[in-house]
């Protein structure tokens, strides 16, 4: 075996193994549960794949039905750079008349994470309505922390929200 081959053979194996590991890392990143589908650079949390705000759940239903309900493609509204879905025409009309009431506070970002200065998308199945505002959370742990002292959690989140909002695309 020539000197050149002796030198190149281990390098080829190193490159092959590195490429394999890189490929595996990319695949894991693409399918990982921890990789959020939500765009965390938008002012309103939006599903990157569908463009739907709060994953297509009806924001008005949290108030009228007291539970998260999937909206219908029949009743859609484009607002704040996202597509919002609703159960019915009445819910869509209510949202159009007063979106600030029905839109999740902090654009659907978890208020506990916002208070730490981090824009972390909330999930529509982990939620609460407090003082007639909808809040969605990234985890049950964060919802529990919020409910332990909502006033303090909101004060902290309100203080950090301008900093977090500045990181987001208008």
Protein backbone atom coordinates (compact mmCIF):
# COMPACT_ATOMS: atom_id res chain seq x y z
CA UNK A 1 0.00 0.00 0.00
CA UNK A 2 1.42 3.37 -0.97
CA UNK A 3 2.04 6.14 1.52
CA UNK A 4 -0.70 8.22 -0.07
CA UNK A 5 -3.25 5.40 0.31
CA UNK A 6 -2.21 4.86 3.92
CA UNK A 7 -2.88 8.52 4.57
CA UNK A 8 -6.18 8.79 2.66
CA UNK A 9 -7.83 5.56 3.84
CA UNK A 10 -8.38 6.63 7.51
CA UNK A 11 -9.46 10.09 6.33
CA UNK A 12 -12.10 8.54 4.04
CA UNK A 13 -13.50 6.49 6.93
CA UNK A 14 -13.56 9.54 9.16
CA UNK A 15 -15.46 11.53 6.55
CA UNK A 16 -17.91 8.68 5.93
CA UNK A 17 -18.65 8.24 9.64
CA UNK A 18 -19.00 12.01 10.13
CA UNK A 19 -21.44 12.21 7.22
CA UNK A 20 -23.45 9.31 8.65
CA UNK A 21 -23.68 10.99 12.07
CA UNK A 22 -24.66 14.29 10.46
CA UNK A 23 -27.39 12.57 8.46
CA UNK A 24 -28.75 10.87 11.56
CA UNK A 25 -28.71 14.18 13.48
CA UNK A 26 -30.71 15.87 10.70
CA UNK A 27 -33.28 13.07 10.67
CA UNK A 28 -33.66 13.15 14.45
CA UNK A 29 -34.12 16.91 14.35
CA UNK A 30 -36.80 16.63 11.67
CA UNK A 31 -38.86 14.03 13.52
CA UNK A 32 -38.23 14.96 17.13
CA UNK A 33 -41.24 15.68 19.31
CA UNK A 34 -39.29 18.48 20.93
CA UNK A 35 -38.92 20.26 17.61
CA UNK A 36 -41.93 22.56 17.60
CA UNK A 37 -43.97 22.94 14.45
CA UNK A 38 -44.87 26.44 15.54
CA UNK A 39 -43.00 29.38 14.15
CA UNK A 40 -41.49 31.17 17.10
CA UNK A 41 -40.46 34.24 15.17
CA UNK A 42 -43.96 35.52 14.43
CA UNK A 43 -45.98 37.91 16.62
CA UNK A 44 -48.75 35.29 16.65
CA UNK A 45 -47.76 31.65 17.11
CA UNK A 46 -48.46 30.06 13.75
CA UNK A 47 -48.09 26.48 12.55
CA UNK A 48 -45.28 26.63 9.98
CA UNK A 49 -46.81 23.86 7.89
CA UNK A 50 -50.38 25.16 7.65
CA UNK A 51 -50.23 28.86 8.50
CA UNK A 52 -52.94 28.30 11.11
CA UNK A 53 -52.96 30.23 14.36
CA UNK A 54 -53.15 28.02 17.46
CA UNK A 55 -53.06 24.90 15.27
CA UNK A 56 -56.52 25.58 13.86
CA UNK A 57 -58.34 25.65 17.19
CA UNK A 58 -61.20 28.14 17.55
CA UNK A 59 -60.09 30.86 20.01
CA UNK A 60 -63.69 31.88 20.76
CA UNK A 61 -64.64 28.31 21.74
CA UNK A 62 -62.46 28.55 24.86
CA UNK A 63 -64.98 31.13 26.09
CA UNK A 64 -68.24 29.75 24.66
CA UNK A 65 -67.62 26.00 24.89
CA UNK A 66 -65.18 26.13 27.84
CA UNK A 67 -62.86 23.75 25.97
CA UNK A 68 -60.54 23.74 22.97
CA UNK A 69 -62.42 22.91 19.80
CA UNK A 70 -60.97 22.47 16.34
CA UNK A 71 -62.16 25.13 13.91
CA UNK A 72 -63.51 24.49 10.45
CA UNK A 73 -61.93 25.46 7.14
CA UNK A 74 -65.39 26.78 6.21
CA UNK A 75 -65.04 29.57 8.79
CA UNK A 76 -61.62 31.10 8.37
CA UNK A 77 -60.32 34.61 8.90
CA UNK A 78 -56.97 36.10 8.04
CA UNK A 79 -55.77 38.34 10.88
CA UNK A 80 -52.38 39.40 12.27
CA UNK A 81 -50.49 37.42 9.64
CA UNK A 82 -52.16 34.10 10.42
CA UNK A 83 -55.23 32.14 9.40
CA UNK A 84 -57.71 31.61 12.25
CA UNK A 85 -60.37 28.93 12.16
CA UNK A 86 -63.73 28.92 13.93
CA UNK A 87 -66.50 26.46 14.71
CA UNK A 88 -69.19 28.63 13.22
CA UNK A 89 -69.97 32.01 11.70
CA UNK A 90 -70.97 33.47 15.08
CA UNK A 91 -67.58 32.72 16.58
CA UNK A 92 -65.83 34.20 13.55
CA UNK A 93 -67.95 37.35 13.81
CA UNK A 94 -67.27 37.67 17.56
CA UNK A 95 -63.54 37.42 16.89
CA UNK A 96 -63.72 40.03 14.10
CA UNK A 97 -65.51 42.46 16.43
CA UNK A 98 -63.03 42.06 19.31
CA UNK A 99 -59.88 40.11 18.38
CA UNK A 100 -57.94 41.45 21.38
CA UNK A 101 -60.33 39.63 23.71
CA UNK A 102 -60.20 36.29 21.92
CA UNK A 103 -56.65 36.12 20.61
CA UNK A 104 -54.40 34.28 23.08
CA UNK A 105 -52.51 36.81 25.20
CA UNK A 106 -48.86 37.29 24.20
CA UNK A 107 -49.76 36.03 20.71
CA UNK A 108 -50.02 32.44 21.95
CA UNK A 109 -46.60 32.38 23.60
CA UNK A 110 -46.38 30.80 27.05
CA UNK A 111 -46.56 33.63 29.64
CA UNK A 112 -44.16 31.83 32.01
CA UNK A 113 -41.57 31.54 29.23
CA UNK A 114 -42.22 35.15 28.18
CA UNK A 115 -41.51 36.24 31.77
CA UNK A 116 -38.10 34.57 31.36
CA UNK A 117 -37.57 36.48 28.10
CA UNK A 118 -38.00 33.44 25.86
CA UNK A 119 -40.64 33.21 23.08
CA UNK A 120 -41.89 29.66 23.62
CA UNK A 121 -45.00 28.62 21.72
CA UNK A 122 -47.96 27.56 23.82
CA UNK A 123 -50.03 24.52 22.97
CA UNK A 124 -53.80 25.00 22.61
CA UNK A 125 -54.63 21.96 24.74
CA UNK A 126 -52.81 23.45 27.75
CA UNK A 127 -54.72 26.62 28.51
CA UNK A 128 -56.63 28.77 30.94
CA UNK A 129 -58.89 31.80 30.78
CA UNK A 130 -57.96 34.36 33.41
CA UNK A 131 -59.67 37.75 33.69
CA UNK A 132 -61.40 37.18 30.35
CA UNK A 133 -58.14 36.56 28.48
CA UNK A 134 -56.94 33.29 26.95
CA UNK A 135 -53.48 32.03 27.89
CA UNK A 136 -51.85 28.97 26.34
CA UNK A 137 -48.87 27.19 27.85
CA UNK A 138 -45.97 25.08 26.66
CA UNK A 139 -46.38 22.60 29.52
CA UNK A 140 -48.62 21.61 32.42
CA UNK A 141 -45.80 22.68 34.73
CA UNK A 142 -45.97 26.21 33.37
CA UNK A 143 -49.76 26.33 33.62
CA UNK A 144 -49.54 25.19 37.25
CA UNK A 145 -46.92 27.86 37.97
CA UNK A 146 -49.13 30.49 36.35
CA UNK A 147 -52.24 29.45 38.28
CA UNK A 148 -50.34 29.50 41.59
CA UNK A 149 -50.07 33.31 41.31
CA UNK A 150 -51.51 34.66 38.06
CA UNK A 151 -51.06 38.33 38.98
CA UNK A 152 -47.36 37.94 39.67
CA UNK A 153 -46.83 35.76 36.58
CA UNK A 154 -48.58 38.36 34.40
CA UNK A 155 -46.64 41.25 35.92
CA UNK A 156 -43.38 39.49 35.05
CA UNK A 157 -44.58 38.55 31.57
CA UNK A 158 -45.83 42.10 30.89
CA UNK A 159 -42.42 43.49 31.86
CA UNK A 160 -40.60 41.11 29.48
CA UNK A 161 -43.11 41.14 26.64
CA UNK A 162 -41.67 44.24 24.87
CA UNK A 163 -38.21 42.61 24.88
CA UNK A 164 -39.60 39.29 23.58
CA UNK A 165 -41.84 41.03 21.06
CA UNK A 166 -38.84 42.94 19.67
CA UNK A 167 -37.25 39.56 18.80
CA UNK A 168 -40.26 38.62 16.70
CA UNK A 169 -41.09 39.50 13.09
CA UNK A 170 -43.80 42.21 12.85
